[in-house]
C-alpha cells in the first residue's frame, strides 16, 4: 500500500453491549475495534484508512455456531427502526463505499449497518 489504501474489518454490536450467548466474541470484537482506531492513527501518515463495519446479525457459517441465533434475528427485526434485518448486500455496498474515494475522509470509525438497531435503548 505504497500509495495509500483502505483496510476494513467486520465487527458486531456485541463489542459494546452484552449479547447473551455471544460471550468471548464480544471481548474479541471490542479489542478489534480498539485496534482499528490505533491502526488508523499509525497508518494515517501513509494515507491508509482503517475502518470497521458493524453489521447486524447475518446468516453466515460463523453465526450458525451461536445458539439461539434465530431468536437474535427475530429480536433484531422487531426492535430495529427499519423493522427488518440487514442484507449482506447492504454490508457489501458499505464496504465498497469505504474503499472508494467517496469514503476518503473516513478513518478509525465503526460504521453500523444494522437497520438502526444500535440506536435503540430499551
PDB file of N, CA and C in Angstrom:
ATOM      1  N   UNK A   1       0.843  -1.188   0.000  1.00  0.00           N
ATOM      2  CA  UNK A   1       0.000   0.000   0.000  1.00  0.00           C
ATOM      3  C   UNK A   1       0.885   1.246   0.000  1.00  0.00           C
ATOM      4  N   UNK A   2       1.702   1.360  -0.994  1.00  0.00           N
ATOM      5  CA  UNK A   2       2.638   2.479  -1.056  1.00  0.00           C
ATOM      6  C   UNK A   2       1.971   3.784  -1.457  1.00  0.00           C
ATOM      7  N   UNK A   3       0.781   3.715  -2.012  1.00  0.00           N
ATOM      8  CA  UNK A   3       0.063   4.929  -2.425  1.00  0.00           C
ATOM      9  C   UNK A   3      -1.232   5.100  -1.654  1.00  0.00           C
ATOM     10  N   UNK A   4      -1.266   4.627  -0.424  1.00  0.00           N
ATOM     11  CA  UNK A   4      -2.468   4.725   0.392  1.00  0.00           C
ATOM     12  C   UNK A   4      -3.367   3.534   0.176  1.00  0.00           C
ATOM     13  N   UNK A   5      -4.531   3.580   0.802  1.00  0.00           N
ATOM     14  CA  UNK A   5      -5.476   2.483   0.645  1.00  0.00           C
ATOM     15  C   UNK A   5      -6.494   2.466   1.758  1.00  0.00           C
ATOM     16  N   UNK A   6      -7.235   1.379   1.793  1.00  0.00           N
ATOM     17  CA  UNK A   6      -8.311   1.229   2.759  1.00  0.00           C
ATOM     18  C   UNK A   6      -8.311  -0.192   3.304  1.00  0.00           C
ATOM     19  N   UNK A   7      -8.323  -0.300   4.612  1.00  0.00           N
ATOM     20  CA  UNK A   7      -8.407  -1.585   5.300  1.00  0.00           C
ATOM     21  C   UNK A   7      -9.728  -1.606   6.056  1.00  0.00           C
ATOM     22  N   UNK A   8     -10.433  -2.721   5.964  1.00  0.00           N
ATOM     23  CA  UNK A   8     -11.710  -2.847   6.665  1.00  0.00           C
ATOM     24  C   UNK A   8     -11.793  -4.178   7.391  1.00  0.00           C
ATOM     25  N   UNK A   9     -12.605  -4.192   8.421  1.00  0.00           N
ATOM     26  CA  UNK A   9     -12.904  -5.418   9.141  1.00  0.00           C
ATOM     27  C   UNK A   9     -14.385  -5.420   9.493  1.00  0.00           C
ATOM     28  N   UNK A  10     -14.868  -6.582   9.854  1.00  0.00           N
ATOM     29  CA  UNK A  10     -16.259  -6.710  10.296  1.00  0.00           C
ATOM     30  C   UNK A  10     -16.292  -6.886  11.805  1.00  0.00           C
ATOM     31  N   UNK A  11     -17.228  -6.218  12.430  1.00  0.00           N
ATOM     32  CA  UNK A  11     -17.394  -6.318  13.869  1.00  0.00           C
ATOM     33  C   UNK A  11     -18.878  -6.496  14.161  1.00  0.00           C
ATOM     34  N   UNK A  12     -19.229  -6.431  15.429  1.00  0.00           N
ATOM     35  CA  UNK A  12     -20.633  -6.643  15.829  1.00  0.00           C
ATOM     36  C   UNK A  12     -20.918  -5.874  17.105  1.00  0.00           C
ATOM     37  N   UNK A  13     -22.169  -5.497  17.265  1.00  0.00           N
ATOM     38  CA  UNK A  13     -22.680  -4.730  18.401  1.00  0.00           C
ATOM     39  C   UNK A  13     -22.330  -5.362  19.749  1.00  0.00           C
ATOM     40  N   UNK A  14     -22.081  -6.655  19.774  1.00  0.00           N
ATOM     41  CA  UNK A  14     -21.695  -7.333  21.000  1.00  0.00           C
ATOM     42  C   UNK A  14     -20.379  -6.840  21.576  1.00  0.00           C
ATOM     43  N   UNK A  15     -19.685  -5.970  20.863  1.00  0.00           N
ATOM     44  CA  UNK A  15     -18.464  -5.355  21.384  1.00  0.00           C
ATOM     45  C   UNK A  15     -18.782  -4.262  22.402  1.00  0.00           C
ATOM     46  N   UNK A  16     -19.983  -3.713  22.335  1.00  0.00           N
ATOM     47  CA  UNK A  16     -20.385  -2.603  23.211  1.00  0.00           C
ATOM     48  C   UNK A  16     -21.371  -2.997  24.291  1.00  0.00           C
ATOM     49  N   UNK A  17     -22.242  -3.940  23.985  1.00  0.00           N
ATOM     50  CA  UNK A  17     -23.308  -4.336  24.896  1.00  0.00           C
ATOM     51  C   UNK A  17     -23.284  -5.854  25.056  1.00  0.00           C
ATOM     52  N   UNK A  18     -23.796  -6.319  26.168  1.00  0.00           N
ATOM     53  CA  UNK A  18     -23.872  -7.751  26.405  1.00  0.00           C
ATOM     54  C   UNK A  18     -24.950  -8.354  25.515  1.00  0.00           C
ATOM     55  N   UNK A  19     -24.559  -9.303  24.711  1.00  0.00           N
ATOM     56  CA  UNK A  19     -25.482 -10.058  23.873  1.00  0.00           C
ATOM     57  C   UNK A  19     -25.424 -11.494  24.392  1.00  0.00           C
ATOM     58  N   UNK A  20     -26.498 -11.959  25.041  1.00  0.00           N
ATOM     59  CA  UNK A  20     -26.463 -13.315  25.584  1.00  0.00           C
ATOM     60  C   UNK A  20     -26.018 -14.334  24.534  1.00  0.00           C
ATOM     61  N   UNK A  21     -25.153 -15.225  24.954  1.00  0.00           N
ATOM     62  CA  UNK A  21     -24.599 -16.320  24.154  1.00  0.00           C
ATOM     63  C   UNK A  21     -23.504 -15.865  23.190  1.00  0.00           C
ATOM     64  N   UNK A  22     -23.231 -14.572  23.079  1.00  0.00           N
ATOM     65  CA  UNK A  22     -22.139 -14.112  22.214  1.00  0.00           C
ATOM     66  C   UNK A  22     -20.800 -14.280  22.925  1.00  0.00           C
ATOM     67  N   UNK A  23     -20.824 -14.132  24.236  1.00  0.00           N
ATOM     68  CA  UNK A  23     -19.717 -14.466  25.127  1.00  0.00           C
ATOM     69  C   UNK A  23     -18.377 -13.841  24.744  1.00  0.00           C
ATOM     70  N   UNK A  24     -17.330 -14.638  24.657  1.00  0.00           N
ATOM     71  CA  UNK A  24     -15.961 -14.139  24.466  1.00  0.00           C
ATOM     72  C   UNK A  24     -15.802 -13.389  23.151  1.00  0.00           C
ATOM     73  N   UNK A  25     -16.682 -13.642  22.192  1.00  0.00           N
ATOM     74  CA  UNK A  25     -16.590 -12.921  20.921  1.00  0.00           C
ATOM     75  C   UNK A  25     -16.824 -11.429  21.121  1.00  0.00           C
ATOM     76  N   UNK A  26     -17.631 -11.061  22.103  1.00  0.00           N
ATOM     77  CA  UNK A  26     -17.838  -9.644  22.398  1.00  0.00           C
ATOM     78  C   UNK A  26     -16.549  -8.969  22.829  1.00  0.00           C
ATOM     79  N   UNK A  27     -15.787  -9.655  23.653  1.00  0.00           N
ATOM     80  CA  UNK A  27     -14.487  -9.142  24.103  1.00  0.00           C
ATOM     81  C   UNK A  27     -13.529  -9.043  22.918  1.00  0.00           C
ATOM     82  N   UNK A  28     -13.533 -10.068  22.067  1.00  0.00           N
ATOM     83  CA  UNK A  28     -12.661 -10.059  20.889  1.00  0.00           C
ATOM     84  C   UNK A  28     -13.015  -8.915  19.948  1.00  0.00           C
ATOM     85  N   UNK A  29     -14.301  -8.665  19.748  1.00  0.00           N
ATOM     86  CA  UNK A  29     -14.722  -7.579  18.853  1.00  0.00           C
ATOM     87  C   UNK A  29     -14.395  -6.213  19.457  1.00  0.00           C
ATOM     88  N   UNK A  30     -14.470  -6.086  20.771  1.00  0.00           N
ATOM     89  CA  UNK A  30     -14.084  -4.826  21.414  1.00  0.00           C
ATOM     90  C   UNK A  30     -12.600  -4.547  21.176  1.00  0.00           C
ATOM     91  N   UNK A  31     -11.773  -5.579  21.292  1.00  0.00           N
ATOM     92  CA  UNK A  31     -10.342  -5.421  21.028  1.00  0.00           C
ATOM     93  C   UNK A  31     -10.099  -5.091  19.561  1.00  0.00           C
ATOM     94  N   UNK A  32     -10.862  -5.715  18.682  1.00  0.00           N
ATOM     95  CA  UNK A  32     -10.740  -5.434  17.247  1.00  0.00           C
ATOM     96  C   UNK A  32     -11.044  -3.964  16.952  1.00  0.00           C
ATOM     97  N   UNK A  33     -12.107  -3.441  17.549  1.00  0.00           N
ATOM     98  CA  UNK A  33     -12.475  -2.042  17.305  1.00  0.00           C
ATOM     99  C   UNK A  33     -11.426  -1.079  17.858  1.00  0.00           C
ATOM    100  N   UNK A  34     -10.833  -1.395  18.987  1.00  0.00           N
ATOM    101  CA  UNK A  34      -9.740  -0.569  19.513  1.00  0.00           C
ATOM    102  C   UNK A  34      -8.546  -0.630  18.563  1.00  0.00           C
ATOM    103  N   UNK A  35      -8.277  -1.794  18.010  1.00  0.00           N
ATOM    104  CA  UNK A  35      -7.174  -1.948  17.054  1.00  0.00           C
ATOM    105  C   UNK A  35      -7.410  -1.117  15.807  1.00  0.00           C
ATOM    106  N   UNK A  36      -8.662  -1.021  15.374  1.00  0.00           N
ATOM    107  CA  UNK A  36      -9.000  -0.190  14.212  1.00  0.00           C
ATOM    108  C   UNK A  36      -8.590   1.254  14.480  1.00  0.00           C
ATOM    109  N   UNK A  37      -8.909   1.754  15.651  1.00  0.00           N
ATOM    110  CA  UNK A  37      -8.579   3.145  15.976  1.00  0.00           C
ATOM    111  C   UNK A  37      -7.069   3.375  16.026  1.00  0.00           C
ATOM    112  N   UNK A  38      -6.350   2.478  16.670  1.00  0.00           N
ATOM    113  CA  UNK A  38      -4.900   2.630  16.774  1.00  0.00           C
ATOM    114  C   UNK A  38      -4.215   2.469  15.423  1.00  0.00           C
ATOM    115  N   UNK A  39      -4.670   1.512  14.616  1.00  0.00           N
ATOM    116  CA  UNK A  39      -4.101   1.351  13.279  1.00  0.00           C
ATOM    117  C   UNK A  39      -4.401   2.563  12.404  1.00  0.00           C
ATOM    118  N   UNK A  40      -5.607   3.119  12.545  1.00  0.00           N
ATOM    119  CA  UNK A  40      -5.944   4.321  11.774  1.00  0.00           C
ATOM    120  C   UNK A  40      -4.966   5.443  12.100  1.00  0.00           C
ATOM    121  N   UNK A  41      -4.635   5.572  13.362  1.00  0.00           N
ATOM    122  CA  UNK A  41      -3.663   6.590  13.768  1.00  0.00           C
ATOM    123  C   UNK A  41      -2.279   6.284  13.203  1.00  0.00           C
ATOM    124  N   UNK A  42      -1.845   5.055  13.368  1.00  0.00           N
ATOM    125  CA  UNK A  42      -0.490   4.682  12.937  1.00  0.00           C
ATOM    126  C   UNK A  42      -0.320   4.712  11.419  1.00  0.00           C
ATOM    127  N   UNK A  43      -1.348   4.327  10.671  1.00  0.00           N
ATOM    128  CA  UNK A  43      -1.234   4.227   9.214  1.00  0.00           C
ATOM    129  C   UNK A  43      -1.705   5.473   8.468  1.00  0.00           C
ATOM    130  N   UNK A  44      -2.318   6.403   9.185  1.00  0.00           N
ATOM    131  CA  UNK A  44      -2.816   7.621   8.543  1.00  0.00           C
ATOM    132  C   UNK A  44      -1.745   8.401   7.819  1.00  0.00           C
ATOM    133  N   UNK A  45      -0.555   8.425   8.367  1.00  0.00           N
ATOM    134  CA  UNK A  45       0.544   9.167   7.725  1.00  0.00           C
ATOM    135  C   UNK A  45       0.902   8.583   6.361  1.00  0.00           C
ATOM    136  N   UNK A  46       0.503   7.337   6.118  1.00  0.00           N
ATOM    137  CA  UNK A  46       0.726   6.684   4.819  1.00  0.00           C
ATOM    138  C   UNK A  46      -0.521   6.728   3.935  1.00  0.00           C
ATOM    139  N   UNK A  47      -1.482   7.552   4.325  1.00  0.00           N
ATOM    140  CA  UNK A  47      -2.749   7.693   3.598  1.00  0.00           C
ATOM    141  C   UNK A  47      -3.513   6.364   3.513  1.00  0.00           C
ATOM    142  N   UNK A  48      -3.381   5.563   4.562  1.00  0.00           N
ATOM    143  CA  UNK A  48      -4.119   4.313   4.656  1.00  0.00           C
ATOM    144  C   UNK A  48      -5.221   4.496   5.692  1.00  0.00           C
ATOM    145  N   UNK A  49      -6.441   4.258   5.259  1.00  0.00           N
ATOM    146  CA  UNK A  49      -7.603   4.389   6.131  1.00  0.00           C
ATOM    147  C   UNK A  49      -7.966   3.012   6.686  1.00  0.00           C
ATOM    148  N   UNK A  50      -8.385   2.984   7.965  1.00  0.00           N
ATOM    149  CA  UNK A  50      -8.756   1.734   8.628  1.00  0.00           C
ATOM    150  C   UNK A  50     -10.113   1.943   9.292  1.00  0.00           C
ATOM    151  N   UNK A  51     -11.070   1.093   8.943  1.00  0.00           N
ATOM    152  CA  UNK A  51     -12.426   1.215   9.476  1.00  0.00           C
ATOM    153  C   UNK A  51     -13.016  -0.153   9.757  1.00  0.00           C
ATOM    154  N   UNK A  52     -14.081  -0.153  10.547  1.00  0.00           N
ATOM    155  CA  UNK A  52     -14.824  -1.373  10.841  1.00  0.00           C
ATOM    156  C   UNK A  52     -16.275  -1.168  10.416  1.00  0.00           C
ATOM    157  N   UNK A  53     -16.885  -2.232   9.968  1.00  0.00           N
ATOM    158  CA  UNK A  53     -18.316  -2.242   9.665  1.00  0.00           C
ATOM    159  C   UNK A  53     -18.972  -3.150  10.691  1.00  0.00           C
ATOM    160  N   UNK A  54     -19.895  -2.583  11.454  1.00  0.00           N
ATOM    161  CA  UNK A  54     -20.635  -3.363  12.441  1.00  0.00           C
ATOM    162  C   UNK A  54     -21.973  -3.738  11.823  1.00  0.00           C
ATOM    163  N   UNK A  55     -22.010  -4.942  11.303  1.00  0.00           N
ATOM    164  CA  UNK A  55     -23.222  -5.425  10.650  1.00  0.00           C
ATOM    165  C   UNK A  55     -24.167  -6.008  11.684  1.00  0.00           C
ATOM    166  N   UNK A  56     -25.431  -5.923  11.400  1.00  0.00           N
ATOM    167  CA  UNK A  56     -26.403  -6.647  12.208  1.00  0.00           C
ATOM    168  C   UNK A  56     -26.189  -8.131  11.994  1.00  0.00           C
ATOM    169  N   UNK A  57     -26.914  -8.962  12.706  1.00  0.00           N
ATOM    170  CA  UNK A  57     -26.717 -10.397  12.551  1.00  0.00           C
ATOM    171  C   UNK A  57     -27.011 -10.855  11.120  1.00  0.00           C
ATOM    172  N   UNK A  58     -26.091 -11.631  10.586  1.00  0.00           N
ATOM    173  CA  UNK A  58     -26.204 -12.166   9.226  1.00  0.00           C
ATOM    174  C   UNK A  58     -26.127 -13.683   9.283  1.00  0.00           C
ATOM    175  N   UNK A  59     -26.825 -14.317   8.411  1.00  0.00           N
ATOM    176  CA  UNK A  59     -26.757 -15.779   8.330  1.00  0.00           C
ATOM    177  C   UNK A  59     -25.451 -16.168   7.639  1.00  0.00           C
ATOM    178  N   UNK A  60     -24.480 -16.576   8.447  1.00  0.00           N
ATOM    179  CA  UNK A  60     -23.178 -16.994   7.935  1.00  0.00           C
ATOM    180  C   UNK A  60     -22.804 -18.324   8.578  1.00  0.00           C
ATOM    181  N   UNK A  61     -21.724 -18.898   8.105  1.00  0.00           N
ATOM    182  CA  UNK A  61     -21.226 -20.132   8.688  1.00  0.00           C
ATOM    183  C   UNK A  61     -20.889 -19.917  10.163  1.00  0.00           C
ATOM    184  N   UNK A  62     -20.280 -18.787  10.483  1.00  0.00           N
ATOM    185  CA  UNK A  62     -19.907 -18.497  11.871  1.00  0.00           C
ATOM    186  C   UNK A  62     -21.136 -18.314  12.758  1.00  0.00           C
ATOM    187  N   UNK A  63     -22.175 -17.671  12.244  1.00  0.00           N
ATOM    188  CA  UNK A  63     -23.357 -17.420  13.070  1.00  0.00           C
ATOM    189  C   UNK A  63     -24.119 -18.701  13.385  1.00  0.00           C
ATOM    190  N   UNK A  64     -23.933 -19.719  12.589  1.00  0.00           N
ATOM    191  CA  UNK A  64     -24.598 -20.995  12.866  1.00  0.00           C
ATOM    192  C   UNK A  64     -24.132 -21.603  14.183  1.00  0.00           C
ATOM    193  N   UNK A  65     -22.959 -21.209  14.630  1.00  0.00           N
ATOM    194  CA  UNK A  65     -22.423 -21.731  15.882  1.00  0.00           C
ATOM    195  C   UNK A  65     -22.957 -21.032  17.120  1.00  0.00           C
ATOM    196  N   UNK A  66     -23.761 -20.007  16.958  1.00  0.00           N
ATOM    197  CA  UNK A  66     -24.308 -19.258  18.089  1.00  0.00           C
ATOM    198  C   UNK A  66     -25.676 -19.829  18.417  1.00  0.00           C
ATOM    199  N   UNK A  67     -25.809 -20.402  19.610  1.00  0.00           N
ATOM    200  CA  UNK A  67     -27.107 -20.960  19.990  1.00  0.00           C
ATOM    201  C   UNK A  67     -28.134 -19.837  20.103  1.00  0.00           C
ATOM    202  N   UNK A  68     -29.328 -20.098  19.644  1.00  0.00           N
ATOM    203  CA  UNK A  68     -30.394 -19.100  19.695  1.00  0.00           C
ATOM    204  C   UNK A  68     -30.258 -18.023  18.642  1.00  0.00           C
ATOM    205  N   UNK A  69     -29.485 -18.284  17.599  1.00  0.00           N
ATOM    206  CA  UNK A  69     -29.267 -17.252  16.580  1.00  0.00           C
ATOM    207  C   UNK A  69     -30.576 -16.829  15.914  1.00  0.00           C
ATOM    208  N   UNK A  70     -31.475 -17.779  15.697  1.00  0.00           N
ATOM    209  CA  UNK A  70     -32.776 -17.439  15.112  1.00  0.00           C
ATOM    210  C   UNK A  70     -33.538 -16.443  15.961  1.00  0.00           C
ATOM    211  N   UNK A  71     -33.444 -16.588  17.279  1.00  0.00           N
ATOM    212  CA  UNK A  71     -34.086 -15.642  18.190  1.00  0.00           C
ATOM    213  C   UNK A  71     -33.455 -14.256  18.071  1.00  0.00           C
ATOM    214  N   UNK A  72     -32.121 -14.227  17.882  1.00  0.00           N
ATOM    215  CA  UNK A  72     -31.429 -12.946  17.702  1.00  0.00           C
ATOM    216  C   UNK A  72     -31.941 -12.233  16.456  1.00  0.00           C
ATOM    217  N   UNK A  73     -32.090 -12.978  15.374  1.00  0.00           N
ATOM    218  CA  UNK A  73     -32.595 -12.393  14.126  1.00  0.00           C
ATOM    219  C   UNK A  73     -33.993 -11.821  14.319  1.00  0.00           C
ATOM    220  N   UNK A  74     -34.823 -12.577  15.000  1.00  0.00           N
ATOM    221  CA  UNK A  74     -36.210 -12.134  15.226  1.00  0.00           C
ATOM    222  C   UNK A  74     -36.259 -10.869  16.080  1.00  0.00           C
ATOM    223  N   UNK A  75     -35.493 -10.853  17.174  1.00  0.00           N
ATOM    224  CA  UNK A  75     -35.473  -9.683  18.059  1.00  0.00           C
ATOM    225  C   UNK A  75     -34.935  -8.452  17.340  1.00  0.00           C
ATOM    226  N   UNK A  76     -33.870  -8.633  16.580  1.00  0.00           N
ATOM    227  CA  UNK A  76     -33.285  -7.522  15.825  1.00  0.00           C
ATOM    228  C   UNK A  76     -34.329  -6.900  14.903  1.00  0.00           C
ATOM    229  N   UNK A  77     -35.017  -7.732  14.144  1.00  0.00           N
ATOM    230  CA  UNK A  77     -36.012  -7.234  13.189  1.00  0.00           C
ATOM    231  C   UNK A  77     -37.154  -6.516  13.899  1.00  0.00           C
ATOM    232  N   UNK A  78     -37.534  -7.000  15.053  1.00  0.00           N
ATOM    233  CA  UNK A  78     -38.628  -6.366  15.807  1.00  0.00           C
ATOM    234  C   UNK A  78     -38.227  -5.025  16.391  1.00  0.00           C
ATOM    235  N   UNK A  79     -36.980  -4.884  16.853  1.00  0.00           N
ATOM    236  CA  UNK A  79     -36.545  -3.676  17.553  1.00  0.00           C
ATOM    237  C   UNK A  79     -35.900  -2.627  16.656  1.00  0.00           C
ATOM    238  N   UNK A  80     -35.371  -3.024  15.529  1.00  0.00           N
ATOM    239  CA  UNK A  80     -34.690  -2.073  14.643  1.00  0.00           C
ATOM    240  C   UNK A  80     -35.693  -1.079  14.063  1.00  0.00           C
ATOM    241  N   UNK A  81     -35.315   0.186  13.948  1.00  0.00           N
ATOM    242  CA  UNK A  81     -36.226   1.179  13.368  1.00  0.00           C
ATOM    243  C   UNK A  81     -36.723   0.806  11.972  1.00  0.00           C
ATOM    244  N   UNK A  82     -35.913   0.128  11.179  1.00  0.00           N
ATOM    245  CA  UNK A  82     -36.352  -0.261   9.833  1.00  0.00           C
ATOM    246  C   UNK A  82     -37.187  -1.535   9.839  1.00  0.00           C
ATOM    247  N   UNK A  83     -37.358  -2.144  11.019  1.00  0.00           N
ATOM    248  CA  UNK A  83     -38.221  -3.321  11.205  1.00  0.00           C
ATOM    249  C   UNK A  83     -37.865  -4.499  10.310  1.00  0.00           C
ATOM    250  N   UNK A  84     -36.556  -4.696  10.136  1.00  0.00           N
ATOM    251  CA  UNK A  84     -36.078  -5.824   9.339  1.00  0.00           C
ATOM    252  C   UNK A  84     -34.619  -6.080   9.685  1.00  0.00           C
ATOM    253  N   UNK A  85     -34.100  -7.171   9.186  1.00  0.00           N
ATOM    254  CA  UNK A  85     -32.675  -7.475   9.335  1.00  0.00           C
ATOM    255  C   UNK A  85     -31.910  -6.923   8.142  1.00  0.00           C
ATOM    256  N   UNK A  86     -30.649  -6.693   8.358  1.00  0.00           N
ATOM    257  CA  UNK A  86     -29.773  -6.197   7.304  1.00  0.00           C
ATOM    258  C   UNK A  86     -29.519  -7.304   6.285  1.00  0.00           C
ATOM    259  N   UNK A  87     -29.309  -6.906   5.078  1.00  0.00           N
ATOM    260  CA  UNK A  87     -28.997  -7.832   3.994  1.00  0.00           C
ATOM    261  C   UNK A  87     -27.496  -7.786   3.725  1.00  0.00           C
ATOM    262  N   UNK A  88     -26.928  -8.908   3.362  1.00  0.00           N
ATOM    263  CA  UNK A  88     -25.489  -8.973   3.103  1.00  0.00           C
ATOM    264  C   UNK A  88     -25.064  -7.986   2.016  1.00  0.00           C
ATOM    265  N   UNK A  89     -25.936  -7.695   1.067  1.00  0.00           N
ATOM    266  CA  UNK A  89     -25.608  -6.728   0.010  1.00  0.00           C
ATOM    267  C   UNK A  89     -25.458  -5.317   0.566  1.00  0.00           C
ATOM    268  N   UNK A  90     -26.195  -4.998   1.618  1.00  0.00           N
ATOM    269  CA  UNK A  90     -26.062  -3.674   2.236  1.00  0.00           C
ATOM    270  C   UNK A  90     -24.699  -3.529   2.919  1.00  0.00           C
ATOM    271  N   UNK A  91     -24.231  -4.595   3.502  1.00  0.00           N
ATOM    272  CA  UNK A  91     -22.897  -4.583   4.112  1.00  0.00           C
ATOM    273  C   UNK A  91     -21.839  -4.450   3.018  1.00  0.00           C
ATOM    274  N   UNK A  92     -22.022  -5.174   1.943  1.00  0.00           N
ATOM    275  CA  UNK A  92     -21.058  -5.133   0.829  1.00  0.00           C
ATOM    276  C   UNK A  92     -20.976  -3.739   0.211  1.00  0.00           C
ATOM    277  N   UNK A  93     -22.107  -3.090  -0.008  1.00  0.00           N
ATOM    278  CA  UNK A  93     -22.068  -1.762  -0.621  1.00  0.00           C
ATOM    279  C   UNK A  93     -21.455  -0.731   0.324  1.00  0.00           C
ATOM    280  N   UNK A  94     -21.590  -0.940   1.626  1.00  0.00           N
ATOM    281  CA  UNK A  94     -20.918  -0.062   2.584  1.00  0.00           C
ATOM    282  C   UNK A  94     -19.410  -0.236   2.476  1.00  0.00           C
ATOM    283  N   UNK A  95     -18.958  -1.469   2.323  1.00  0.00           N
ATOM    284  CA  UNK A  95     -17.521  -1.732   2.157  1.00  0.00           C
ATOM    285  C   UNK A  95     -16.997  -1.078   0.879  1.00  0.00           C
ATOM    286  N   UNK A  96     -17.769  -1.160  -0.192  1.00  0.00           N
ATOM    287  CA  UNK A  96     -17.368  -0.529  -1.456  1.00  0.00           C
ATOM    288  C   UNK A  96     -17.252   0.984  -1.262  1.00  0.00           C
ATOM    289  N   UNK A  97     -18.221   1.560  -0.573  1.00  0.00           N
ATOM    290  CA  UNK A  97     -18.180   2.998  -0.279  1.00  0.00           C
ATOM    291  C   UNK A  97     -16.907   3.359   0.488  1.00  0.00           C
ATOM    292  N   UNK A  98     -16.602   2.600   1.550  1.00  0.00           N
ATOM    293  CA  UNK A  98     -15.412   2.904   2.355  1.00  0.00           C
ATOM    294  C   UNK A  98     -14.122   2.756   1.557  1.00  0.00           C
ATOM    295  N   UNK A  99     -14.097   1.813   0.641  1.00  0.00           N
ATOM    296  CA  UNK A  99     -12.895   1.599  -0.166  1.00  0.00           C
ATOM    297  C   UNK A  99     -12.740   2.627  -1.275  1.00  0.00           C
ATOM    298  N   UNK A 100     -13.824   3.289  -1.629  1.00  0.00           N
ATOM    299  CA  UNK A 100     -13.810   4.231  -2.744  1.00  0.00           C
ATOM    300  C   UNK A 100     -13.351   5.618  -2.293  1.00  0.00           C
ATOM    301  N   UNK A 101     -13.184   6.503  -3.269  1.00  0.00           N
ATOM    302  CA  UNK A 101     -12.839   7.896  -2.970  1.00  0.00           C
ATOM    303  C   UNK A 101     -13.947   8.594  -2.189  1.00  0.00           C
ATOM    304  N   UNK A 102     -15.179   8.092  -2.284  1.00  0.00           N
ATOM    305  CA  UNK A 102     -16.288   8.692  -1.541  1.00  0.00           C
ATOM    306  C   UNK A 102     -16.067   8.588  -0.032  1.00  0.00           C
ATOM    307  N   UNK A 103     -15.304   7.593   0.412  1.00  0.00           N
ATOM    308  CA  UNK A 103     -15.006   7.422   1.830  1.00  0.00           C
ATOM    309  C   UNK A 103     -13.620   7.900   2.221  1.00  0.00           C
ATOM    310  N   UNK A 104     -13.014   8.738   1.386  1.00  0.00           N
ATOM    311  CA  UNK A 104     -11.617   9.128   1.589  1.00  0.00           C
ATOM    312  C   UNK A 104     -11.351   9.919   2.865  1.00  0.00           C
ATOM    313  N   UNK A 105     -12.364  10.491   3.460  1.00  0.00           N
ATOM    314  CA  UNK A 105     -12.169  11.261   4.685  1.00  0.00           C
ATOM    315  C   UNK A 105     -12.573  10.506   5.942  1.00  0.00           C
ATOM    316  N   UNK A 106     -12.786   9.201   5.844  1.00  0.00           N
ATOM    317  CA  UNK A 106     -13.252   8.411   6.978  1.00  0.00           C
ATOM    318  C   UNK A 106     -12.169   7.418   7.381  1.00  0.00           C
ATOM    319  N   UNK A 107     -11.740   7.498   8.637  1.00  0.00           N
ATOM    320  CA  UNK A 107     -10.792   6.522   9.165  1.00  0.00           C
ATOM    321  C   UNK A 107     -10.982   6.397  10.669  1.00  0.00           C
ATOM    322  N   UNK A 108     -10.701   5.212  11.182  1.00  0.00           N
ATOM    323  CA  UNK A 108     -10.804   4.961  12.614  1.00  0.00           C
ATOM    324  C   UNK A 108     -12.222   4.797  13.109  1.00  0.00           C
ATOM    325  N   UNK A 109     -13.143   4.608  12.219  1.00  0.00           N
ATOM    326  CA  UNK A 109     -14.563   4.567  12.587  1.00  0.00           C
ATOM    327  C   UNK A 109     -15.140   3.160  12.552  1.00  0.00           C
ATOM    328  N   UNK A 110     -16.217   3.008  13.302  1.00  0.00           N
ATOM    329  CA  UNK A 110     -17.057   1.818  13.215  1.00  0.00           C
ATOM    330  C   UNK A 110     -18.395   2.283  12.663  1.00  0.00           C
ATOM    331  N   UNK A 111     -18.706   1.839  11.463  1.00  0.00           N
ATOM    332  CA  UNK A 111     -19.976   2.197  10.817  1.00  0.00           C
ATOM    333  C   UNK A 111     -20.981   1.082  11.052  1.00  0.00           C
ATOM    334  N   UNK A 112     -22.153   1.452  11.535  1.00  0.00           N
ATOM    335  CA  UNK A 112     -23.197   0.475  11.828  1.00  0.00           C
ATOM    336  C   UNK A 112     -24.089   0.288  10.611  1.00  0.00           C
ATOM    337  N   UNK A 113     -24.209  -0.947  10.184  1.00  0.00           N
ATOM    338  CA  UNK A 113     -25.095  -1.323   9.084  1.00  0.00           C
ATOM    339  C   UNK A 113     -25.999  -2.389   9.681  1.00  0.00           C
ATOM    340  N   UNK A 114     -26.983  -1.925  10.460  1.00  0.00           N
ATOM    341  CA  UNK A 114     -27.813  -2.843  11.255  1.00  0.00           C
ATOM    342  C   UNK A 114     -29.286  -2.422  11.287  1.00  0.00           C
ATOM    343  N   UNK A 115     -29.705  -1.696  10.282  1.00  0.00           N
ATOM    344  CA  UNK A 115     -31.091  -1.221  10.192  1.00  0.00           C
ATOM    345  C   UNK A 115     -31.472  -0.341  11.368  1.00  0.00           C
ATOM    346  N   UNK A 116     -30.470   0.267  12.024  1.00  0.00           N
ATOM    347  CA  UNK A 116     -30.704   1.192  13.121  1.00  0.00           C
ATOM    348  C   UNK A 116     -30.778   0.560  14.488  1.00  0.00           C
ATOM    349  N   UNK A 117     -30.577  -0.731  14.590  1.00  0.00           N
ATOM    350  CA  UNK A 117     -30.703  -1.432  15.872  1.00  0.00           C
ATOM    351  C   UNK A 117     -29.841  -0.794  16.951  1.00  0.00           C
ATOM    352  N   UNK A 118     -28.633  -0.353  16.616  1.00  0.00           N
ATOM    353  CA  UNK A 118     -27.688   0.159  17.607  1.00  0.00           C
ATOM    354  C   UNK A 118     -28.139   1.450  18.286  1.00  0.00           C
ATOM    355  N   UNK A 119     -29.095   2.161  17.704  1.00  0.00           N
ATOM    356  CA  UNK A 119     -29.536   3.421  18.317  1.00  0.00           C
ATOM    357  C   UNK A 119     -30.604   3.232  19.384  1.00  0.00           C
ATOM    358  N   UNK A 120     -31.138   2.031  19.459  1.00  0.00           N
ATOM    359  CA  UNK A 120     -32.256   1.789  20.353  1.00  0.00           C
ATOM    360  C   UNK A 120     -31.817   1.638  21.809  1.00  0.00           C
ATOM    361  N   UNK A 121     -32.654   2.117  22.699  1.00  0.00           N
ATOM    362  CA  UNK A 121     -32.437   1.944  24.132  1.00  0.00           C
ATOM    363  C   UNK A 121     -33.177   0.694  24.574  1.00  0.00           C
ATOM    364  N   UNK A 122     -34.172   0.881  25.380  1.00  0.00           N
ATOM    365  CA  UNK A 122     -34.957  -0.266  25.893  1.00  0.00           C
ATOM    366  C   UNK A 122     -35.946  -0.737  24.860  1.00  0.00           C
TER     367      UNK A 122
END
